[in-house]
C-alpha cells in the first residue's frame, strides 16, 4: 500500500483501530512530541506523569507493535483495516487520473484538477 493511501486510512478510518493500536499510536505521538522534554528530565517526573495519564505505555504488547518503526506500524494497521473493513472504506479516486483524493468527500482532484461537484 502506498504512503498516501496509508495516511488516508489513518486520517479518515482510524476508528477501526484496536485499543492496543490506539495506545501504541498515542505512545508514539507523545514520545515524538516530547522527546526533548523526556530526555532532559533526570527525575523522570514527566515520564511518570505521561504513563499515569495513559499517554505513554510500558505494556510490552503495545511497545512490540512499534518495534519495527512507525512506517511498518502504520502500514500493517492500514492493511489490516482495509482487509477487515473493505465494505466500509471508500477510496475516493479521481475519475480522470485515478489518483486518491484528499478526503472521502472531496469533489476535486488535487493532481489533475478535475472537478466533480
N, C-alpha and C. Protein backbone atom coordinates (compact mmCIF):
# COMPACT_ATOMS: atom_id res chain seq x y z
N UNK A 1 0.85 -1.17 0.00
CA UNK A 1 0.00 0.00 0.00
C UNK A 1 0.90 1.24 0.00
N UNK A 2 0.55 2.22 -0.81
CA UNK A 2 1.38 3.41 -0.93
C UNK A 2 1.22 4.32 0.28
N UNK A 3 2.24 5.21 0.47
CA UNK A 3 2.27 6.07 1.65
C UNK A 3 1.02 6.95 1.78
N UNK A 4 0.58 7.56 0.67
CA UNK A 4 -0.57 8.46 0.77
C UNK A 4 -1.85 7.68 1.08
N UNK A 5 -1.92 6.41 0.66
CA UNK A 5 -3.09 5.58 1.00
C UNK A 5 -3.08 5.24 2.48
N UNK A 6 -1.90 4.96 3.03
CA UNK A 6 -1.78 4.69 4.47
C UNK A 6 -2.20 5.93 5.26
N UNK A 7 -1.74 7.10 4.84
CA UNK A 7 -2.12 8.35 5.51
C UNK A 7 -3.63 8.58 5.41
N UNK A 8 -4.19 8.30 4.26
CA UNK A 8 -5.64 8.43 4.03
C UNK A 8 -6.41 7.55 5.01
N UNK A 9 -5.97 6.31 5.18
CA UNK A 9 -6.62 5.38 6.12
C UNK A 9 -6.50 5.91 7.54
N UNK A 10 -5.30 6.35 7.94
CA UNK A 10 -5.11 6.85 9.30
C UNK A 10 -5.91 8.13 9.55
N UNK A 11 -5.98 8.99 8.56
CA UNK A 11 -6.70 10.26 8.73
C UNK A 11 -8.21 10.07 8.79
N UNK A 12 -8.75 9.13 8.02
CA UNK A 12 -10.21 9.05 7.88
C UNK A 12 -10.85 7.77 8.42
N UNK A 13 -10.05 6.76 8.72
CA UNK A 13 -10.63 5.49 9.19
C UNK A 13 -9.92 4.95 10.43
N UNK A 14 -9.33 5.81 11.22
CA UNK A 14 -8.63 5.37 12.42
C UNK A 14 -9.60 4.81 13.47
N UNK A 15 -10.88 5.03 13.30
CA UNK A 15 -11.87 4.50 14.24
C UNK A 15 -11.89 2.97 14.24
N UNK A 16 -11.29 2.35 13.24
CA UNK A 16 -11.23 0.90 13.15
C UNK A 16 -9.98 0.32 13.83
N UNK A 17 -9.18 1.16 14.45
CA UNK A 17 -8.00 0.68 15.17
C UNK A 17 -8.43 -0.01 16.46
N UNK A 18 -7.69 -1.04 16.87
CA UNK A 18 -7.97 -1.71 18.13
C UNK A 18 -7.48 -0.83 19.29
N UNK A 19 -7.87 -1.16 20.50
CA UNK A 19 -7.45 -0.38 21.66
C UNK A 19 -5.93 -0.40 21.84
N UNK A 20 -5.31 -1.54 21.57
CA UNK A 20 -3.85 -1.64 21.69
C UNK A 20 -3.16 -0.81 20.60
N UNK A 21 -3.72 -0.79 19.41
CA UNK A 21 -3.16 0.03 18.33
C UNK A 21 -3.29 1.51 18.65
N UNK A 22 -4.42 1.89 19.22
CA UNK A 22 -4.61 3.29 19.62
C UNK A 22 -3.59 3.67 20.70
N UNK A 23 -3.38 2.78 21.66
CA UNK A 23 -2.42 3.04 22.73
C UNK A 23 -1.00 3.16 22.16
N UNK A 24 -0.66 2.32 21.19
CA UNK A 24 0.66 2.39 20.56
C UNK A 24 0.82 3.69 19.78
N UNK A 25 -0.21 4.10 19.07
CA UNK A 25 -0.19 5.35 18.30
C UNK A 25 -0.04 6.55 19.24
N UNK A 26 -0.77 6.51 20.36
CA UNK A 26 -0.68 7.58 21.36
C UNK A 26 0.72 7.61 21.98
N UNK A 27 1.27 6.45 22.25
CA UNK A 27 2.62 6.35 22.81
C UNK A 27 3.64 6.95 21.85
N UNK A 28 3.53 6.58 20.58
CA UNK A 28 4.47 7.12 19.58
C UNK A 28 4.36 8.64 19.49
N UNK A 29 3.14 9.15 19.38
CA UNK A 29 2.96 10.60 19.24
C UNK A 29 3.49 11.35 20.45
N UNK A 30 3.22 10.86 21.64
CA UNK A 30 3.68 11.52 22.85
C UNK A 30 5.20 11.48 22.94
N UNK A 31 5.79 10.33 22.69
CA UNK A 31 7.25 10.24 22.78
C UNK A 31 7.93 11.07 21.69
N UNK A 32 7.29 11.19 20.52
CA UNK A 32 7.85 12.01 19.45
C UNK A 32 7.76 13.49 19.79
N UNK A 33 6.61 13.93 20.25
CA UNK A 33 6.40 15.35 20.55
C UNK A 33 7.19 15.83 21.76
N UNK A 34 7.35 14.95 22.75
CA UNK A 34 8.01 15.36 23.99
C UNK A 34 9.38 14.71 24.15
N UNK A 35 10.00 14.36 23.05
CA UNK A 35 11.28 13.68 23.09
C UNK A 35 12.33 14.46 23.89
N UNK A 36 12.47 15.73 23.59
CA UNK A 36 13.47 16.55 24.29
C UNK A 36 13.12 16.72 25.76
N UNK A 37 11.85 16.95 26.06
CA UNK A 37 11.43 17.13 27.44
C UNK A 37 11.66 15.86 28.26
N UNK A 38 11.45 14.70 27.65
CA UNK A 38 11.66 13.45 28.37
C UNK A 38 13.14 13.15 28.57
N UNK A 39 13.98 13.56 27.60
CA UNK A 39 15.43 13.35 27.72
C UNK A 39 16.03 14.22 28.83
N UNK A 40 15.53 15.45 28.94
CA UNK A 40 16.09 16.42 29.88
C UNK A 40 15.45 16.37 31.25
N UNK A 41 14.85 15.26 31.61
CA UNK A 41 14.17 15.11 32.90
C UNK A 41 14.83 14.00 33.70
N UNK A 42 15.89 14.32 34.47
CA UNK A 42 16.62 13.27 35.18
C UNK A 42 15.77 12.56 36.25
N UNK A 43 14.77 13.21 36.78
CA UNK A 43 13.93 12.57 37.81
C UNK A 43 12.84 11.71 37.19
N UNK A 44 12.67 11.80 35.89
CA UNK A 44 11.64 11.07 35.14
C UNK A 44 10.23 11.40 35.64
N UNK A 45 10.05 12.59 36.17
CA UNK A 45 8.74 13.02 36.65
C UNK A 45 7.74 13.13 35.51
N UNK A 46 8.18 13.70 34.39
CA UNK A 46 7.28 13.87 33.24
C UNK A 46 6.88 12.51 32.66
N UNK A 47 7.85 11.61 32.56
CA UNK A 47 7.55 10.28 32.02
C UNK A 47 6.53 9.56 32.91
N UNK A 48 6.69 9.67 34.21
CA UNK A 48 5.74 9.04 35.14
C UNK A 48 4.35 9.65 34.99
N UNK A 49 4.30 10.98 34.80
CA UNK A 49 3.02 11.65 34.60
C UNK A 49 2.36 11.18 33.31
N UNK A 50 3.14 11.07 32.23
CA UNK A 50 2.60 10.62 30.95
C UNK A 50 2.12 9.18 31.04
N UNK A 51 2.85 8.34 31.77
CA UNK A 51 2.43 6.95 31.98
C UNK A 51 1.11 6.90 32.75
N UNK A 52 1.03 7.72 33.79
CA UNK A 52 -0.17 7.74 34.63
C UNK A 52 -1.41 8.19 33.84
N UNK A 53 -1.22 9.15 32.95
CA UNK A 53 -2.34 9.66 32.14
C UNK A 53 -2.66 8.79 30.92
N UNK A 54 -1.83 7.79 30.65
CA UNK A 54 -2.08 6.90 29.52
C UNK A 54 -1.53 7.41 28.21
N UNK A 55 -0.71 8.43 28.24
CA UNK A 55 -0.13 8.96 27.01
C UNK A 55 1.06 8.14 26.57
N UNK A 56 1.78 7.57 27.53
CA UNK A 56 2.86 6.63 27.26
C UNK A 56 2.45 5.29 27.82
N UNK A 57 3.10 4.25 27.35
CA UNK A 57 2.78 2.92 27.83
C UNK A 57 4.07 2.15 28.12
N UNK A 58 4.01 1.28 29.12
CA UNK A 58 5.13 0.38 29.35
C UNK A 58 4.69 -1.07 29.16
N UNK A 59 3.53 -1.25 28.53
CA UNK A 59 2.99 -2.58 28.21
C UNK A 59 3.82 -3.18 27.07
N UNK A 60 4.43 -4.35 27.29
CA UNK A 60 5.27 -4.95 26.25
C UNK A 60 4.53 -5.23 24.94
N UNK A 61 3.25 -5.59 25.00
CA UNK A 61 2.48 -5.85 23.78
C UNK A 61 2.35 -4.58 22.94
N UNK A 62 2.12 -3.46 23.60
CA UNK A 62 1.96 -2.18 22.89
C UNK A 62 3.30 -1.74 22.31
N UNK A 63 4.35 -1.85 23.09
CA UNK A 63 5.67 -1.45 22.62
C UNK A 63 6.16 -2.36 21.48
N UNK A 64 5.75 -3.62 21.49
CA UNK A 64 6.13 -4.56 20.43
C UNK A 64 5.54 -4.12 19.08
N UNK A 65 4.36 -3.51 19.10
CA UNK A 65 3.75 -3.03 17.85
C UNK A 65 4.63 -1.98 17.17
N UNK A 66 5.40 -1.23 17.96
CA UNK A 66 6.22 -0.14 17.43
C UNK A 66 7.68 -0.51 17.20
N UNK A 67 8.07 -1.74 17.52
CA UNK A 67 9.48 -2.10 17.49
C UNK A 67 10.11 -2.08 16.10
N UNK A 68 9.33 -2.23 15.04
CA UNK A 68 9.88 -2.21 13.68
C UNK A 68 9.80 -0.84 13.01
N UNK A 69 9.48 0.18 13.78
CA UNK A 69 9.41 1.53 13.25
C UNK A 69 7.98 1.96 12.96
N UNK A 70 7.80 3.25 12.90
CA UNK A 70 6.46 3.81 12.74
C UNK A 70 5.89 3.54 11.35
N UNK A 71 6.73 3.52 10.31
CA UNK A 71 6.22 3.26 8.97
C UNK A 71 5.65 1.85 8.86
N UNK A 72 6.35 0.87 9.42
CA UNK A 72 5.86 -0.51 9.39
C UNK A 72 4.59 -0.65 10.23
N UNK A 73 4.55 0.05 11.36
CA UNK A 73 3.35 0.03 12.21
C UNK A 73 2.15 0.55 11.43
N UNK A 74 2.30 1.72 10.83
CA UNK A 74 1.20 2.33 10.08
C UNK A 74 0.79 1.46 8.90
N UNK A 75 1.76 0.91 8.20
CA UNK A 75 1.49 0.06 7.04
C UNK A 75 0.67 -1.16 7.44
N UNK A 76 1.09 -1.84 8.50
CA UNK A 76 0.39 -3.06 8.92
C UNK A 76 -1.02 -2.75 9.43
N UNK A 77 -1.19 -1.64 10.13
CA UNK A 77 -2.51 -1.26 10.63
C UNK A 77 -3.43 -0.91 9.46
N UNK A 78 -2.92 -0.14 8.51
CA UNK A 78 -3.73 0.25 7.35
C UNK A 78 -4.15 -0.98 6.55
N UNK A 79 -3.24 -1.91 6.35
CA UNK A 79 -3.57 -3.13 5.61
C UNK A 79 -4.63 -3.96 6.34
N UNK A 80 -4.50 -4.05 7.67
CA UNK A 80 -5.48 -4.80 8.44
C UNK A 80 -6.85 -4.13 8.37
N UNK A 81 -6.88 -2.82 8.49
CA UNK A 81 -8.15 -2.09 8.44
C UNK A 81 -8.83 -2.29 7.08
N UNK A 82 -8.06 -2.17 6.01
CA UNK A 82 -8.63 -2.36 4.67
C UNK A 82 -9.15 -3.78 4.50
N UNK A 83 -8.40 -4.76 4.99
CA UNK A 83 -8.81 -6.16 4.85
C UNK A 83 -10.08 -6.46 5.65
N UNK A 84 -10.15 -5.96 6.88
CA UNK A 84 -11.27 -6.28 7.75
C UNK A 84 -12.51 -5.42 7.53
N UNK A 85 -12.33 -4.24 6.93
CA UNK A 85 -13.44 -3.31 6.77
C UNK A 85 -13.57 -2.80 5.34
N UNK A 86 -13.30 -3.67 4.38
CA UNK A 86 -13.27 -3.23 2.98
C UNK A 86 -14.61 -2.66 2.50
N UNK A 87 -15.72 -3.12 3.05
CA UNK A 87 -17.03 -2.60 2.63
C UNK A 87 -17.34 -1.23 3.23
N UNK A 88 -16.64 -0.87 4.29
CA UNK A 88 -16.90 0.40 4.96
C UNK A 88 -15.92 1.50 4.55
N UNK A 89 -14.91 1.15 3.79
CA UNK A 89 -13.89 2.11 3.38
C UNK A 89 -14.11 2.50 1.92
N UNK A 90 -14.08 3.79 1.69
CA UNK A 90 -14.28 4.32 0.34
C UNK A 90 -13.01 5.05 -0.09
N UNK A 91 -12.34 4.52 -1.09
CA UNK A 91 -11.20 5.20 -1.67
C UNK A 91 -11.73 6.12 -2.77
N UNK A 92 -11.67 7.40 -2.54
CA UNK A 92 -12.20 8.41 -3.45
C UNK A 92 -11.16 8.72 -4.53
N UNK A 93 -11.14 7.90 -5.56
CA UNK A 93 -10.17 8.08 -6.64
C UNK A 93 -10.75 8.97 -7.73
N UNK A 94 -9.87 9.77 -8.33
CA UNK A 94 -10.26 10.65 -9.43
C UNK A 94 -10.67 9.81 -10.63
N UNK A 95 -11.71 10.23 -11.31
CA UNK A 95 -12.20 9.50 -12.47
C UNK A 95 -11.31 9.69 -13.70
N UNK A 96 -10.50 10.75 -13.70
CA UNK A 96 -9.63 11.01 -14.84
C UNK A 96 -8.23 10.41 -14.66
N UNK A 97 -7.56 10.77 -13.57
CA UNK A 97 -6.17 10.31 -13.39
C UNK A 97 -6.06 9.10 -12.47
N UNK A 98 -7.13 8.78 -11.73
CA UNK A 98 -7.14 7.60 -10.89
C UNK A 98 -6.42 7.74 -9.56
N UNK A 99 -5.91 8.93 -9.27
CA UNK A 99 -5.20 9.13 -8.00
C UNK A 99 -6.17 9.40 -6.87
N UNK A 100 -5.73 9.16 -5.67
CA UNK A 100 -6.55 9.28 -4.48
C UNK A 100 -6.78 10.75 -4.11
N UNK A 101 -8.05 11.10 -3.92
CA UNK A 101 -8.38 12.47 -3.49
C UNK A 101 -7.97 12.65 -2.03
N UNK A 102 -7.98 13.88 -1.57
CA UNK A 102 -7.52 14.19 -0.23
C UNK A 102 -8.40 13.57 0.86
N UNK A 103 -9.72 13.57 0.66
CA UNK A 103 -10.65 13.03 1.65
C UNK A 103 -11.69 12.16 0.95
N UNK A 104 -12.43 11.36 1.71
CA UNK A 104 -13.50 10.56 1.09
C UNK A 104 -14.62 11.41 0.49
N UNK A 105 -14.74 12.67 0.91
CA UNK A 105 -15.82 13.54 0.43
C UNK A 105 -15.34 14.62 -0.53
N UNK A 106 -14.07 14.61 -0.89
CA UNK A 106 -13.52 15.62 -1.81
C UNK A 106 -14.23 15.55 -3.15
N UNK A 107 -14.37 16.69 -3.79
CA UNK A 107 -15.04 16.76 -5.08
C UNK A 107 -14.14 17.36 -6.15
N UNK A 108 -12.84 17.44 -5.84
CA UNK A 108 -11.89 17.97 -6.82
C UNK A 108 -10.56 17.26 -6.63
N UNK A 109 -9.95 16.87 -7.74
CA UNK A 109 -8.67 16.18 -7.70
C UNK A 109 -7.55 17.19 -7.47
N UNK A 110 -6.69 16.91 -6.53
CA UNK A 110 -5.59 17.83 -6.24
C UNK A 110 -4.44 17.65 -7.23
N UNK A 111 -4.47 16.63 -8.05
CA UNK A 111 -3.41 16.37 -9.00
C UNK A 111 -3.74 16.89 -10.39
N UNK A 112 -4.90 16.50 -10.94
CA UNK A 112 -5.22 16.91 -12.32
C UNK A 112 -6.23 18.06 -12.35
N UNK A 113 -6.86 18.36 -11.21
CA UNK A 113 -7.78 19.49 -11.14
C UNK A 113 -9.22 19.17 -11.55
N UNK A 114 -9.52 17.92 -11.88
CA UNK A 114 -10.89 17.56 -12.25
C UNK A 114 -11.85 17.94 -11.13
N UNK A 115 -12.95 18.56 -11.51
CA UNK A 115 -13.95 18.99 -10.54
C UNK A 115 -15.22 18.20 -10.78
N UNK A 116 -15.70 17.46 -9.79
CA UNK A 116 -16.93 16.70 -9.94
C UNK A 116 -18.00 17.12 -8.94
N UNK A 117 -18.07 18.43 -8.70
CA UNK A 117 -19.09 18.99 -7.79
C UNK A 117 -20.48 18.81 -8.37
